Amino acid sequence: MRAVRNARGTSVVPCETLRMARIPLDHENDPNTDPAILEALAAIAASGGPTLNVIRALANKPAALQGFFAFIGAVYNFGNGTGSSSLTPKETELAYTTATIANDCHY
């Protein structure tokens, strides 16, 4: 792989040279979807949030999806009292933004 330097001088690998694994995305309307996965996706839909593709990919392993949400619940303050973080929503967003800039993330 050919590495290049970004604007900060950090060595990065261009996206076009990377090959991504193909992970199936589970959907509620697929009759072949495992009942445990359907239950997990239904719980996410009931929470009112969007079901992002990363969630659909994690749903392939319900234990991984449950662990992911346990982690999110432990570190993120959802602004409605459901998170266990001591940070306010503004402080949480500041931490995310700072980490994004520090790690040169573009999303």
PDB file of N, CA and C in Angstrom:
ATOM      1  N   MET A   1       0.832  -1.183   0.000  1.00  0.00           N
ATOM      2  CA  MET A   1       0.000   0.000   0.000  1.00  0.00           C
ATOM      3  C   MET A   1       0.876   1.245   0.000  1.00  0.00           C
ATOM      4  N   ARG A   2       0.427   2.205  -0.729  1.00  0.00           N
ATOM      5  CA  ARG A   2       1.145   3.456  -0.872  1.00  0.00           C
ATOM      6  C   ARG A   2       0.606   4.456   0.153  1.00  0.00           C
ATOM      7  N   ALA A   3       1.472   4.902   1.040  1.00  0.00           N
ATOM      8  CA  ALA A   3       1.064   5.889   2.048  1.00  0.00           C
ATOM      9  C   ALA A   3       1.362   7.285   1.524  1.00  0.00           C
ATOM     10  N   VAL A   4       0.540   8.230   1.924  1.00  0.00           N
ATOM     11  CA  VAL A   4       0.737   9.643   1.575  1.00  0.00           C
ATOM     12  C   VAL A   4       0.657  10.457   2.851  1.00  0.00           C
ATOM     13  N   ARG A   5       1.014  11.703   2.764  1.00  0.00           N
ATOM     14  CA  ARG A   5       0.929  12.592   3.925  1.00  0.00           C
ATOM     15  C   ARG A   5      -0.264  13.523   3.749  1.00  0.00           C
ATOM     16  N   ASN A   6      -1.035  13.676   4.815  1.00  0.00           N
ATOM     17  CA  ASN A   6      -2.164  14.595   4.761  1.00  0.00           C
ATOM     18  C   ASN A   6      -1.692  16.007   5.092  1.00  0.00           C
ATOM     19  N   ALA A   7      -2.637  16.945   5.230  1.00  0.00           N
ATOM     20  CA  ALA A   7      -2.291  18.347   5.476  1.00  0.00           C
ATOM     21  C   ALA A   7      -1.523  18.543   6.776  1.00  0.00           C
ATOM     22  N   ARG A   8      -1.722  17.662   7.743  1.00  0.00           N
ATOM     23  CA  ARG A   8      -1.024  17.770   9.029  1.00  0.00           C
ATOM     24  C   ARG A   8       0.325  17.058   9.009  1.00  0.00           C
ATOM     25  N   GLY A   9       0.667  16.421   7.884  1.00  0.00           N
ATOM     26  CA  GLY A   9       1.927  15.704   7.787  1.00  0.00           C
ATOM     27  C   GLY A   9       1.861  14.276   8.297  1.00  0.00           C
ATOM     28  N   THR A  10       0.642  13.811   8.640  1.00  0.00           N
ATOM     29  CA  THR A  10       0.466  12.454   9.120  1.00  0.00           C
ATOM     30  C   THR A  10       0.443  11.492   7.939  1.00  0.00           C
ATOM     31  N   SER A  11       1.104  10.357   8.075  1.00  0.00           N
ATOM     32  CA  SER A  11       1.115   9.353   7.024  1.00  0.00           C
ATOM     33  C   SER A  11      -0.204   8.599   7.042  1.00  0.00           C
ATOM     34  N   VAL A  12      -0.890   8.570   5.914  1.00  0.00           N
ATOM     35  CA  VAL A  12      -2.173   7.878   5.800  1.00  0.00           C
ATOM     36  C   VAL A  12      -2.184   7.038   4.531  1.00  0.00           C
ATOM     37  N   VAL A  13      -3.057   6.039   4.498  1.00  0.00           N
ATOM     38  CA  VAL A  13      -3.228   5.209   3.314  1.00  0.00           C
ATOM     39  C   VAL A  13      -4.479   5.709   2.598  1.00  0.00           C
ATOM     40  N   PRO A  14      -4.382   6.058   1.317  1.00  0.00           N
ATOM     41  CA  PRO A  14      -5.562   6.538   0.586  1.00  0.00           C
ATOM     42  C   PRO A  14      -6.677   5.501   0.574  1.00  0.00           C
ATOM     43  N   CYS A  15      -7.910   5.961   0.678  1.00  0.00           N
ATOM     44  CA  CYS A  15      -9.063   5.059   0.738  1.00  0.00           C
ATOM     45  C   CYS A  15      -9.131   4.132  -0.464  1.00  0.00           C
ATOM     46  N   GLU A  16      -8.755   4.626  -1.641  1.00  0.00           N
ATOM     47  CA  GLU A  16      -8.894   3.791  -2.835  1.00  0.00           C
ATOM     48  C   GLU A  16      -7.969   2.583  -2.826  1.00  0.00           C
ATOM     49  N   THR A  17      -6.969   2.559  -1.956  1.00  0.00           N
ATOM     50  CA  THR A  17      -6.068   1.403  -1.893  1.00  0.00           C
ATOM     51  C   THR A  17      -6.493   0.387  -0.842  1.00  0.00           C
ATOM     52  N   LEU A  18      -7.469   0.728  -0.028  1.00  0.00           N
ATOM     53  CA  LEU A  18      -7.927  -0.184   1.023  1.00  0.00           C
ATOM     54  C   LEU A  18      -9.041  -1.085   0.493  1.00  0.00           C
ATOM     55  N   ARG A  19      -9.067  -2.294   0.972  1.00  0.00           N
ATOM     56  CA  ARG A  19     -10.153  -3.207   0.635  1.00  0.00           C
ATOM     57  C   ARG A  19     -10.950  -3.463   1.892  1.00  0.00           C
ATOM     58  N   MET A  20     -12.237  -3.281   1.790  1.00  0.00           N
ATOM     59  CA  MET A  20     -13.091  -3.440   2.958  1.00  0.00           C
ATOM     60  C   MET A  20     -13.742  -4.813   2.958  1.00  0.00           C
ATOM     61  N   ALA A  21     -13.896  -5.354   4.146  1.00  0.00           N
ATOM     62  CA  ALA A  21     -14.624  -6.607   4.290  1.00  0.00           C
ATOM     63  C   ALA A  21     -16.098  -6.340   4.020  1.00  0.00           C
ATOM     64  N   ARG A  22     -16.753  -7.291   3.479  1.00  0.00           N
ATOM     65  CA  ARG A  22     -18.191  -7.165   3.214  1.00  0.00           C
ATOM     66  C   ARG A  22     -18.941  -7.868   4.339  1.00  0.00           C
ATOM     67  N   ILE A  23     -19.626  -7.091   5.132  1.00  0.00           N
ATOM     68  CA  ILE A  23     -20.396  -7.625   6.255  1.00  0.00           C
ATOM     69  C   ILE A  23     -21.866  -7.458   5.901  1.00  0.00           C
ATOM     70  N   PRO A  24     -22.642  -8.525   5.964  1.00  0.00           N
ATOM     71  CA  PRO A  24     -24.057  -8.390   5.623  1.00  0.00           C
ATOM     72  C   PRO A  24     -24.778  -7.486   6.618  1.00  0.00           C
ATOM     73  N   LEU A  25     -25.723  -6.723   6.102  1.00  0.00           N
ATOM     74  CA  LEU A  25     -26.534  -5.835   6.930  1.00  0.00           C
ATOM     75  C   LEU A  25     -27.897  -6.483   7.124  1.00  0.00           C
ATOM     76  N   ASP A  26     -28.283  -6.662   8.367  1.00  0.00           N
ATOM     77  CA  ASP A  26     -29.559  -7.292   8.671  1.00  0.00           C
ATOM     78  C   ASP A  26     -30.686  -6.278   8.604  1.00  0.00           C
ATOM     79  N   HIS A  27     -31.826  -6.701   8.093  1.00  0.00           N
ATOM     80  CA  HIS A  27     -32.991  -5.832   7.951  1.00  0.00           C
ATOM     81  C   HIS A  27     -34.212  -6.497   8.563  1.00  0.00           C
ATOM     82  N   GLU A  28     -35.084  -5.669   9.132  1.00  0.00           N
ATOM     83  CA  GLU A  28     -36.299  -6.159   9.778  1.00  0.00           C
ATOM     84  C   GLU A  28     -37.242  -6.828   8.790  1.00  0.00           C
ATOM     85  N   ASN A  29     -37.224  -6.383   7.531  1.00  0.00           N
ATOM     86  CA  ASN A  29     -38.178  -6.903   6.554  1.00  0.00           C
ATOM     87  C   ASN A  29     -37.650  -8.122   5.783  1.00  0.00           C
ATOM     88  N   ASP A  30     -36.490  -8.636   6.162  1.00  0.00           N
ATOM     89  CA  ASP A  30     -35.924  -9.823   5.516  1.00  0.00           C
ATOM     90  C   ASP A  30     -36.430 -11.061   6.253  1.00  0.00           C
ATOM     91  N   PRO A  31     -37.180 -11.938   5.569  1.00  0.00           N
ATOM     92  CA  PRO A  31     -37.721 -13.117   6.262  1.00  0.00           C
ATOM     93  C   PRO A  31     -36.647 -14.095   6.739  1.00  0.00           C
ATOM     94  N   ASN A  32     -35.425 -13.973   6.241  1.00  0.00           N
ATOM     95  CA  ASN A  32     -34.350 -14.872   6.656  1.00  0.00           C
ATOM     96  C   ASN A  32     -33.564 -14.357   7.855  1.00  0.00           C
ATOM     97  N   THR A  33     -33.921 -13.191   8.371  1.00  0.00           N
ATOM     98  CA  THR A  33     -33.197 -12.616   9.499  1.00  0.00           C
ATOM     99  C   THR A  33     -33.497 -13.412  10.772  1.00  0.00           C
ATOM    100  N   ASP A  34     -32.448 -13.718  11.511  1.00  0.00           N
ATOM    101  CA  ASP A  34     -32.543 -14.475  12.757  1.00  0.00           C
ATOM    102  C   ASP A  34     -33.475 -13.752  13.745  1.00  0.00           C
ATOM    103  N   PRO A  35     -34.342 -14.491  14.452  1.00  0.00           N
ATOM    104  CA  PRO A  35     -35.260 -13.859  15.419  1.00  0.00           C
ATOM    105  C   PRO A  35     -34.550 -13.032  16.497  1.00  0.00           C
ATOM    106  N   ALA A  36     -33.370 -13.465  16.948  1.00  0.00           N
ATOM    107  CA  ALA A  36     -32.629 -12.693  17.957  1.00  0.00           C
ATOM    108  C   ALA A  36     -32.206 -11.340  17.387  1.00  0.00           C
ATOM    109  N   ILE A  37     -31.842 -11.333  16.110  1.00  0.00           N
ATOM    110  CA  ILE A  37     -31.455 -10.082  15.457  1.00  0.00           C
ATOM    111  C   ILE A  37     -32.672  -9.191  15.271  1.00  0.00           C
ATOM    112  N   LEU A  38     -33.804  -9.794  14.882  1.00  0.00           N
ATOM    113  CA  LEU A  38     -35.045  -9.019  14.737  1.00  0.00           C
ATOM    114  C   LEU A  38     -35.422  -8.356  16.055  1.00  0.00           C
ATOM    115  N   GLU A  39     -35.243  -9.076  17.154  1.00  0.00           N
ATOM    116  CA  GLU A  39     -35.562  -8.530  18.481  1.00  0.00           C
ATOM    117  C   GLU A  39     -34.662  -7.338  18.804  1.00  0.00           C
ATOM    118  N   ALA A  40     -33.369  -7.471  18.495  1.00  0.00           N
ATOM    119  CA  ALA A  40     -32.430  -6.372  18.756  1.00  0.00           C
ATOM    120  C   ALA A  40     -32.767  -5.154  17.902  1.00  0.00           C
ATOM    121  N   LEU A  41     -33.071  -5.374  16.619  1.00  0.00           N
ATOM    122  CA  LEU A  41     -33.411  -4.260  15.729  1.00  0.00           C
ATOM    123  C   LEU A  41     -34.729  -3.603  16.146  1.00  0.00           C
ATOM    124  N   ALA A  42     -35.682  -4.409  16.629  1.00  0.00           N
ATOM    125  CA  ALA A  42     -36.955  -3.851  17.092  1.00  0.00           C
ATOM    126  C   ALA A  42     -36.747  -2.969  18.317  1.00  0.00           C
ATOM    127  N   ALA A  43     -35.842  -3.374  19.213  1.00  0.00           N
ATOM    128  CA  ALA A  43     -35.553  -2.570  20.402  1.00  0.00           C
ATOM    129  C   ALA A  43     -34.933  -1.229  20.005  1.00  0.00           C
ATOM    130  N   ILE A  44     -34.082  -1.247  18.994  1.00  0.00           N
ATOM    131  CA  ILE A  44     -33.466   0.000  18.519  1.00  0.00           C
ATOM    132  C   ILE A  44     -34.526   0.891  17.903  1.00  0.00           C
ATOM    133  N   ALA A  45     -35.390   0.318  17.081  1.00  0.00           N
ATOM    134  CA  ALA A  45     -36.463   1.103  16.450  1.00  0.00           C
ATOM    135  C   ALA A  45     -37.386   1.702  17.511  1.00  0.00           C
ATOM    136  N   ALA A  46     -37.662   0.946  18.584  1.00  0.00           N
ATOM    137  CA  ALA A  46     -38.543   1.428  19.650  1.00  0.00           C
ATOM    138  C   ALA A  46     -37.935   2.592  20.416  1.00  0.00           C
ATOM    139  N   SER A  47     -36.593   2.700  20.397  1.00  0.00           N
ATOM    140  CA  SER A  47     -35.942   3.792  21.120  1.00  0.00           C
ATOM    141  C   SER A  47     -36.110   5.130  20.403  1.00  0.00           C
ATOM    142  N   GLY A  48     -36.563   5.075  19.149  1.00  0.00           N
ATOM    143  CA  GLY A  48     -36.815   6.307  18.409  1.00  0.00           C
ATOM    144  C   GLY A  48     -35.637   6.792  17.583  1.00  0.00           C
ATOM    145  N   GLY A  49     -34.482   6.188  17.747  1.00  0.00           N
ATOM    146  CA  GLY A  49     -33.316   6.598  16.975  1.00  0.00           C
ATOM    147  C   GLY A  49     -33.264   5.885  15.638  1.00  0.00           C
ATOM    148  N   PRO A  50     -32.460   6.395  14.714  1.00  0.00           N
ATOM    149  CA  PRO A  50     -32.337   5.736  13.416  1.00  0.00           C
ATOM    150  C   PRO A  50     -31.548   4.430  13.544  1.00  0.00           C
ATOM    151  N   THR A  51     -31.845   3.476  12.689  1.00  0.00           N
ATOM    152  CA  THR A  51     -31.096   2.230  12.656  1.00  0.00           C
ATOM    153  C   THR A  51     -30.018   2.378  11.585  1.00  0.00           C
ATOM    154  N   LEU A  52     -28.832   2.792  12.013  1.00  0.00           N
ATOM    155  CA  LEU A  52     -27.729   3.032  11.091  1.00  0.00           C
ATOM    156  C   LEU A  52     -27.145   1.714  10.592  1.00  0.00           C
ATOM    157  N   ASN A  53     -26.454   1.759   9.450  1.00  0.00           N
ATOM    158  CA  ASN A  53     -25.867   0.549   8.892  1.00  0.00           C
ATOM    159  C   ASN A  53     -24.846  -0.090   9.826  1.00  0.00           C
ATOM    160  N   VAL A  54     -24.126   0.705  10.607  1.00  0.00           N
ATOM    161  CA  VAL A  54     -23.173   0.126  11.554  1.00  0.00           C
ATOM    162  C   VAL A  54     -23.915  -0.735  12.582  1.00  0.00           C
ATOM    163  N   ILE A  55     -25.112  -0.316  12.951  1.00  0.00           N
ATOM    164  CA  ILE A  55     -25.932  -1.088  13.883  1.00  0.00           C
ATOM    165  C   ILE A  55     -26.394  -2.375  13.214  1.00  0.00           C
ATOM    166  N   ARG A  56     -26.797  -2.271  11.942  1.00  0.00           N
ATOM    167  CA  ARG A  56     -27.232  -3.457  11.201  1.00  0.00           C
ATOM    168  C   ARG A  56     -26.087  -4.466  11.050  1.00  0.00           C
ATOM    169  N   ALA A  57     -24.874  -3.956  10.869  1.00  0.00           N
ATOM    170  CA  ALA A  57     -23.707  -4.844  10.758  1.00  0.00           C
ATOM    171  C   ALA A  57     -23.420  -5.509  12.102  1.00  0.00           C
ATOM    172  N   LEU A  58     -23.468  -4.738  13.187  1.00  0.00           N
ATOM    173  CA  LEU A  58     -23.242  -5.311  14.517  1.00  0.00           C
ATOM    174  C   LEU A  58     -24.326  -6.319  14.894  1.00  0.00           C
ATOM    175  N   ALA A  59     -25.502  -6.162  14.318  1.00  0.00           N
ATOM    176  CA  ALA A  59     -26.614  -7.062  14.639  1.00  0.00           C
ATOM    177  C   ALA A  59     -26.329  -8.496  14.213  1.00  0.00           C
ATOM    178  N   ASN A  60     -25.334  -8.698  13.346  1.00  0.00           N
ATOM    179  CA  ASN A  60     -24.945 -10.060  12.977  1.00  0.00           C
ATOM    180  C   ASN A  60     -24.524 -10.859  14.202  1.00  0.00           C
ATOM    181  N   LYS A  61     -24.034 -10.181  15.200  1.00  0.00           N
ATOM    182  CA  LYS A  61     -23.640 -10.802  16.466  1.00  0.00           C
ATOM    183  C   LYS A  61     -24.378 -10.065  17.584  1.00  0.00           C
ATOM    184  N   PRO A  62     -25.561 -10.539  17.979  1.00  0.00           N
ATOM    185  CA  PRO A  62     -26.343  -9.828  18.996  1.00  0.00           C
ATOM    186  C   PRO A  62     -25.568  -9.497  20.268  1.00  0.00           C
ATOM    187  N   ALA A  63     -24.642 -10.368  20.684  1.00  0.00           N
ATOM    188  CA  ALA A  63     -23.846 -10.088  21.883  1.00  0.00           C
ATOM    189  C   ALA A  63     -22.952  -8.870  21.658  1.00  0.00           C
ATOM    190  N   ALA A  64     -22.410  -8.731  20.450  1.00  0.00           N
ATOM    191  CA  ALA A  64     -21.582  -7.555  20.136  1.00  0.00           C
ATOM    192  C   ALA A  64     -22.429  -6.298  20.136  1.00  0.00           C
ATOM    193  N   LEU A  65     -23.641  -6.401  19.603  1.00  0.00           N
ATOM    194  CA  LEU A  65     -24.540  -5.240  19.573  1.00  0.00           C
ATOM    195  C   LEU A  65     -24.919  -4.828  20.998  1.00  0.00           C
ATOM    196  N   GLN A  66     -25.224  -5.793  21.854  1.00  0.00           N
ATOM    197  CA  GLN A  66     -25.560  -5.476  23.246  1.00  0.00           C
ATOM    198  C   GLN A  66     -24.368  -4.848  23.961  1.00  0.00           C
ATOM    199  N   GLY A  67     -23.169  -5.369  23.709  1.00  0.00           N
ATOM    200  CA  GLY A  67     -21.968  -4.795  24.308  1.00  0.00           C
ATOM    201  C   GLY A  67     -21.726  -3.374  23.833  1.00  0.00           C
ATOM    202  N   PHE A  68     -21.976  -3.124  22.553  1.00  0.00           N
ATOM    203  CA  PHE A  68     -21.817  -1.783  21.992  1.00  0.00           C
ATOM    204  C   PHE A  68     -22.755  -0.805  22.691  1.00  0.00           C
ATOM    205  N   PHE A  69     -24.009  -1.201  22.863  1.00  0.00           N
ATOM    206  CA  PHE A  69     -24.962  -0.296  23.517  1.00  0.00           C
ATOM    207  C   PHE A  69     -24.675  -0.129  25.006  1.00  0.00           C
ATOM    208  N   ALA A  70     -24.138  -1.151  25.641  1.00  0.00           N
ATOM    209  CA  ALA A  70     -23.731  -1.005  27.041  1.00  0.00           C
ATOM    210  C   ALA A  70     -22.600   0.016  27.141  1.00  0.00           C
ATOM    211  N   PHE A  71     -21.658  -0.063  26.201  1.00  0.00           N
ATOM    212  CA  PHE A  71     -20.549   0.894  26.163  1.00  0.00           C
ATOM    213  C   PHE A  71     -21.068   2.313  25.922  1.00  0.00           C
ATOM    214  N   ILE A  72     -21.920   2.482  24.926  1.00  0.00           N
ATOM    215  CA  ILE A  72     -22.469   3.805  24.608  1.00  0.00           C
ATOM    216  C   ILE A  72     -23.225   4.365  25.811  1.00  0.00           C
ATOM    217  N   GLY A  73     -24.012   3.523  26.465  1.00  0.00           N
ATOM    218  CA  GLY A  73     -24.765   3.972  27.631  1.00  0.00           C
ATOM    219  C   GLY A  73     -23.870   4.396  28.782  1.00  0.00           C
ATOM    220  N   ALA A  74     -22.686   3.793  28.867  1.00  0.00           N
ATOM    221  CA  ALA A  74     -21.770   4.115  29.958  1.00  0.00           C
ATOM    222  C   ALA A  74     -21.028   5.429  29.720  1.00  0.00           C
ATOM    223  N   VAL A  75     -20.787   5.777  28.470  1.00  0.00           N
ATOM    224  CA  VAL A  75     -19.964   6.958  28.211  1.00  0.00           C
ATOM    225  C   VAL A  75     -20.721   8.145  27.653  1.00  0.00           C
ATOM    226  N   TYR A  76     -21.922   7.933  27.184  1.00  0.00           N
ATOM    227  CA  TYR A  76     -22.639   9.015  26.528  1.00  0.00           C
ATOM    228  C   TYR A  76     -23.839   9.451  27.342  1.00  0.00           C
ATOM    229  N   ASN A  77     -23.999  10.738  27.470  1.00  0.00           N
ATOM    230  CA  ASN A  77     -25.163  11.304  28.145  1.00  0.00           C
ATOM    231  C   ASN A  77     -26.179  11.641  27.070  1.00  0.00           C
ATOM    232  N   PHE A  78     -27.286  10.926  27.044  1.00  0.00           N
ATOM    233  CA  PHE A  78     -28.257  11.099  25.976  1.00  0.00           C
ATOM    234  C   PHE A  78     -29.140  12.333  26.143  1.00  0.00           C
ATOM    235  N   GLY A  79     -28.938  13.092  27.192  1.00  0.00           N
ATOM    236  CA  GLY A  79     -29.722  14.297  27.380  1.00  0.00           C
ATOM    237  C   GLY A  79     -31.114  14.035  27.927  1.00  0.00           C
ATOM    238  N   ASN A  80     -31.449  12.776  28.124  1.00  0.00           N
ATOM    239  CA  ASN A  80     -32.773  12.442  28.649  1.00  0.00           C
ATOM    240  C   ASN A  80     -32.670  11.614  29.924  1.00  0.00           C
ATOM    241  N   GLY A  81     -31.474  11.608  30.523  1.00  0.00           N
ATOM    242  CA  GLY A  81     -31.281  10.904  31.770  1.00  0.00           C
ATOM    243  C   GLY A  81     -30.953   9.435  31.623  1.00  0.00           C
ATOM    244  N   THR A  82     -30.836   8.934  30.385  1.00  0.00           N
ATOM    245  CA  THR A  82     -30.591   7.501  30.209  1.00  0.00           C
ATOM    246  C   THR A  82     -29.112   7.153  30.189  1.00  0.00           C
ATOM    247  N   GLY A  83     -28.238   8.102  30.007  1.00  0.00           N
ATOM    248  CA  GLY A  83     -26.805   7.812  30.017  1.00  0.00           C
ATOM    249  C   GLY A  83     -26.262   7.884  31.436  1.00  0.00           C
ATOM    250  N   SER A  84     -25.115   7.250  31.662  1.00  0.00           N
ATOM    251  CA  SER A  84     -24.548   7.286  33.006  1.00  0.00           C
ATOM    252  C   SER A  84     -23.311   8.179  33.074  1.00  0.00           C
ATOM    253  N   SER A  85     -23.071   8.962  32.036  1.00  0.00           N
ATOM    254  CA  SER A  85     -21.913   9.840  32.013  1.00  0.00           C
ATOM    255  C   SER A  85     -22.139  11.037  32.925  1.00  0.00           C
ATOM    256  N   SER A  86     -21.056  11.523  33.535  1.00  0.00           N
ATOM    257  CA  SER A  86     -21.164  12.714  34.366  1.00  0.00           C
ATOM    258  C   SER A  86     -21.017  13.984  33.524  1.00  0.00           C
ATOM    259  N   LEU A  87     -20.730  13.830  32.228  1.00  0.00           N
ATOM    260  CA  LEU A  87     -20.591  14.985  31.345  1.00  0.00           C
ATOM    261  C   LEU A  87     -21.959  15.481  30.883  1.00  0.00           C
ATOM    262  N   THR A  88     -22.046  16.782  30.679  1.00  0.00           N
ATOM    263  CA  THR A  88     -23.264  17.342  30.097  1.00  0.00           C
ATOM    264  C   THR A  88     -23.257  17.019  28.601  1.00  0.00           C
ATOM    265  N   PRO A  89     -24.392  17.142  27.917  1.00  0.00           N
ATOM    266  CA  PRO A  89     -24.394  16.911  26.475  1.00  0.00           C
ATOM    267  C   PRO A  89     -23.398  17.814  25.727  1.00  0.00           C
ATOM    268  N   LYS A  90     -23.256  19.068  26.149  1.00  0.00           N
ATOM    269  CA  LYS A  90     -22.300  19.972  25.495  1.00  0.00           C
ATOM    270  C   LYS A  90     -20.864  19.514  25.713  1.00  0.00           C
ATOM    271  N   GLU A  91     -20.547  19.068  26.938  1.00  0.00           N
ATOM    272  CA  GLU A  91     -19.199  18.577  27.226  1.00  0.00           C
ATOM    273  C   GLU A  91     -18.904  17.299  26.424  1.00  0.00           C
ATOM    274  N   THR A  92     -19.912  16.443  26.304  1.00  0.00           N
ATOM    275  CA  THR A  92     -19.752  15.217  25.522  1.00  0.00           C
ATOM    276  C   THR A  92     -19.456  15.542  24.069  1.00  0.00           C
ATOM    277  N   GLU A  93     -20.208  16.470  23.499  1.00  0.00           N
ATOM    278  CA  GLU A  93     -19.988  16.857  22.102  1.00  0.00           C
ATOM    279  C   GLU A  93     -18.615  17.491  21.922  1.00  0.00           C
ATOM    280  N   LEU A  94     -18.187  18.276  22.892  1.00  0.00           N
ATOM    281  CA  LEU A  94     -16.854  18.875  22.835  1.00  0.00           C
ATOM    282  C   LEU A  94     -15.778  17.792  22.854  1.00  0.00           C
ATOM    283  N   ALA A  95     -15.963  16.770  23.672  1.00  0.00           N
ATOM    284  CA  ALA A  95     -14.993  15.673  23.726  1.00  0.00           C
ATOM    285  C   ALA A  95     -14.942  14.936  22.393  1.00  0.00           C
ATOM    286  N   TYR A  96     -16.108  14.660  21.796  1.00  0.00           N
ATOM    287  CA  TYR A  96     -16.152  13.987  20.487  1.00  0.00           C
ATOM    288  C   TYR A  96     -15.474  14.832  19.417  1.00  0.00           C
ATOM    289  N   THR A  97     -15.793  16.123  19.394  1.00  0.00           N
ATOM    290  CA  THR A  97     -15.215  17.012  18.383  1.00  0.00           C
ATOM    291  C   THR A  97     -13.705  17.110  18.554  1.00  0.00           C
ATOM    292  N   THR A  98     -13.244  17.219  19.777  1.00  0.00           N
ATOM    293  CA  THR A  98     -11.808  17.294  20.043  1.00  0.00           C
ATOM    294  C   THR A  98     -11.105  16.016  19.595  1.00  0.00           C
ATOM    295  N   ALA A  99     -11.686  14.865  19.918  1.00  0.00           N
ATOM    296  CA  ALA A  99     -11.086  13.589  19.506  1.00  0.00           C
ATOM    297  C   ALA A  99     -11.080  13.456  17.984  1.00  0.00           C
ATOM    298  N   THR A 100     -12.133  13.929  17.329  1.00  0.00           N
ATOM    299  CA  THR A 100     -12.208  13.873  15.867  1.00  0.00           C
ATOM    300  C   THR A 100     -11.092  14.693  15.240  1.00  0.00           C
ATOM    301  N   ILE A 101     -10.874  15.893  15.748  1.00  0.00           N
ATOM    302  CA  ILE A 101      -9.824  16.759  15.215  1.00  0.00           C
ATOM    303  C   ILE A 101      -8.449  16.185  15.544  1.00  0.00           C
ATOM    304  N   ALA A 102      -8.250  15.743  16.765  1.00  0.00           N
ATOM    305  CA  ALA A 102      -6.954  15.212  17.189  1.00  0.00           C
ATOM    306  C   ALA A 102      -6.567  13.963  16.384  1.00  0.00           C
ATOM    307  N   ASN A 103      -7.565  13.185  15.965  1.00  0.00           N
ATOM    308  CA  ASN A 103      -7.293  11.957  15.221  1.00  0.00           C
ATOM    309  C   ASN A 103      -7.451  12.126  13.712  1.00  0.00           C
ATOM    310  N   ASP A 104      -7.650  13.373  13.276  1.00  0.00           N
ATOM    311  CA  ASP A 104      -7.739  13.686  11.853  1.00  0.00           C
ATOM    312  C   ASP A 104      -8.848  12.891  11.153  1.00  0.00           C
ATOM    313  N   CYS A 105      -9.997  12.785  11.831  1.00  0.00           N
ATOM    314  CA  CYS A 105     -11.135  12.079  11.252  1.00  0.00           C
ATOM    315  C   CYS A 105     -11.901  13.027  10.317  1.00  0.00           C
ATOM    316  N   HIS A 106     -12.436  12.485   9.253  1.00  0.00           N
ATOM    317  CA  HIS A 106     -13.127  13.326   8.277  1.00  0.00           C
ATOM    318  C   HIS A 106     -14.603  12.999   8.166  1.00  0.00           C
ATOM    319  N   TYR A 107     -15.200  12.527   9.226  1.00  0.00           N
ATOM    320  CA  TYR A 107     -16.612  12.198   9.198  1.00  0.00           C
ATOM    321  C   TYR A 107     -17.288  12.666  10.441  1.00  0.00           C
TER     322      TYR A 107
END
